[in-house]
Amino acid sequence: MKLIIAVVQDQDSNRLSTALMANNFRATKLATTGGFLKSGNTTFMVGTDDIRVDRALQIIKENCKSRDQLVAPVSPMGGNADSYVPYPVEVEVGGATVFVLPVDQFLQF
């Protein structure tokens, strides 16, 4: 058995949740915040049999797309202001960060 932890952008959360349920995967959703852009994310925890891991990863890949987004940079606090860019910068966001972990024991009460 494996535990899949997938951190996705909030914009992809509902689509991924629907796709996982349609393929008979149970998932727990957690509201999380990214450290880099301080933006909202959703973390999915999916427990599944080893033979279904590839299908779950395929569903995540199909439903979590990366996209470009304009973000306002944070002003430097006590740092070097020479490299500070005071206008919005386009960065790539989205996609998914996925961890697949072995599960030694699964209990449901």
Protein backbone atom coordinates (compact mmCIF):
# COMPACT_ATOMS: atom_id res chain seq x y z
CA MET A 1 0.00 0.00 0.00
CA LYS A 2 1.14 3.56 -0.71
CA LEU A 3 0.28 7.03 0.51
CA ILE A 4 0.28 9.68 -2.22
CA ILE A 5 0.64 13.26 -1.03
CA ALA A 6 -0.07 15.78 -3.80
CA VAL A 7 0.23 19.54 -3.32
CA VAL A 8 -1.76 21.32 -6.03
CA GLN A 9 -2.83 24.86 -6.76
CA ASP A 10 -6.32 25.76 -5.51
CA GLN A 11 -7.48 26.36 -9.09
CA ASP A 12 -6.98 22.64 -9.84
CA SER A 13 -8.42 21.31 -6.59
CA ASN A 14 -12.06 20.76 -7.54
CA ARG A 15 -11.21 19.24 -10.92
CA LEU A 16 -8.73 16.82 -9.31
CA SER A 17 -11.14 15.90 -6.52
CA THR A 18 -13.87 15.07 -9.03
CA ALA A 19 -11.51 13.00 -11.18
CA LEU A 20 -10.20 11.03 -8.21
CA MET A 21 -13.74 10.23 -7.01
CA ALA A 22 -14.81 9.23 -10.54
CA ASN A 23 -11.96 6.69 -10.53
CA ASN A 24 -12.81 5.31 -7.06
CA PHE A 25 -9.94 6.90 -5.17
CA ARG A 26 -10.63 8.18 -1.67
CA ALA A 27 -8.80 11.37 -0.80
CA THR A 28 -8.44 13.69 2.15
CA LYS A 29 -8.10 17.37 1.24
CA LEU A 30 -6.18 19.83 3.38
CA ALA A 31 -6.05 23.60 2.87
CA THR A 32 -2.38 24.60 2.78
CA THR A 33 -0.32 27.66 1.94
CA GLY A 34 2.75 27.71 -0.28
CA GLY A 35 5.94 29.16 1.12
CA PHE A 36 7.27 30.76 -2.06
CA LEU A 37 4.31 32.80 -3.32
CA LYS A 38 2.30 32.63 -0.07
CA SER A 39 -0.66 31.48 -2.16
CA GLY A 40 -3.35 28.95 -1.34
CA ASN A 41 -2.79 25.32 -2.17
CA THR A 42 -4.67 22.12 -1.55
CA THR A 43 -2.86 19.04 -0.32
CA PHE A 44 -4.44 15.70 -1.18
CA MET A 45 -3.65 12.55 0.75
CA VAL A 46 -4.59 9.41 -1.16
CA GLY A 47 -4.10 5.89 0.19
CA THR A 48 -4.10 3.21 -2.49
CA ASP A 49 -2.86 -0.25 -3.39
CA ASP A 50 0.52 -0.45 -5.10
CA ILE A 51 -1.00 -1.52 -8.42
CA ARG A 52 -3.19 1.62 -8.60
CA VAL A 53 -0.42 4.18 -7.93
CA ASP A 54 0.34 4.76 -11.62
CA ARG A 55 -3.34 5.44 -12.36
CA ALA A 56 -3.57 7.94 -9.50
CA LEU A 57 -0.43 9.73 -10.71
CA GLN A 58 -1.87 9.87 -14.23
CA ILE A 59 -5.07 11.47 -12.92
CA ILE A 60 -3.07 14.05 -10.96
CA LYS A 61 -0.94 14.86 -14.01
CA GLU A 62 -3.99 15.24 -16.28
CA ASN A 63 -5.83 17.57 -13.89
CA CYS A 64 -3.07 19.79 -12.49
CA LYS A 65 -1.58 21.99 -15.17
CA SER A 66 1.12 24.59 -14.76
CA ARG A 67 0.40 28.12 -15.94
CA ASP A 68 2.08 31.52 -15.99
CA GLN A 69 0.94 34.12 -13.46
CA LEU A 70 1.92 37.69 -12.70
CA VAL A 71 2.96 38.20 -9.08
CA ALA A 72 4.00 41.31 -7.21
CA PRO A 73 7.41 40.79 -5.64
CA VAL A 74 7.89 41.25 -1.91
CA SER A 75 10.07 44.24 -1.03
CA PRO A 76 13.40 43.39 0.58
CA MET A 77 13.57 43.71 4.35
CA GLY A 78 17.10 44.72 5.24
CA GLY A 79 18.49 43.02 2.15
CA ASN A 80 20.18 44.39 -0.91
CA ALA A 81 17.73 46.72 -2.67
CA ASP A 82 19.86 46.75 -5.85
CA SER A 83 18.29 43.54 -7.11
CA TYR A 84 14.74 44.47 -6.09
CA VAL A 85 12.32 44.65 -9.03
CA PRO A 86 9.34 46.86 -8.09
CA TYR A 87 6.97 45.63 -10.82
CA PRO A 88 5.07 42.34 -11.28
CA VAL A 89 7.04 39.36 -12.51
CA GLU A 90 5.66 36.43 -14.50
CA VAL A 91 6.32 33.06 -12.85
CA GLU A 92 5.21 29.52 -13.59
CA VAL A 93 2.71 28.20 -11.02
CA GLY A 94 0.51 25.18 -10.75
CA GLY A 95 1.19 21.62 -11.64
CA ALA A 96 1.60 19.30 -8.69
CA THR A 97 4.27 18.34 -6.23
CA VAL A 98 3.76 14.67 -5.45
CA PHE A 99 5.27 12.34 -2.86
CA VAL A 100 4.65 8.58 -2.88
CA LEU A 101 5.36 6.93 0.46
CA PRO A 102 5.20 3.29 1.55
CA VAL A 103 2.55 2.47 4.15
CA ASP A 104 3.49 -0.17 6.72
CA GLN A 105 0.04 -0.39 8.25
CA PHE A 106 -3.44 0.89 7.44
CA LEU A 107 -6.22 0.94 10.03
CA GLN A 108 -9.76 2.20 9.74
CA PHE A 109 -11.96 2.47 12.83
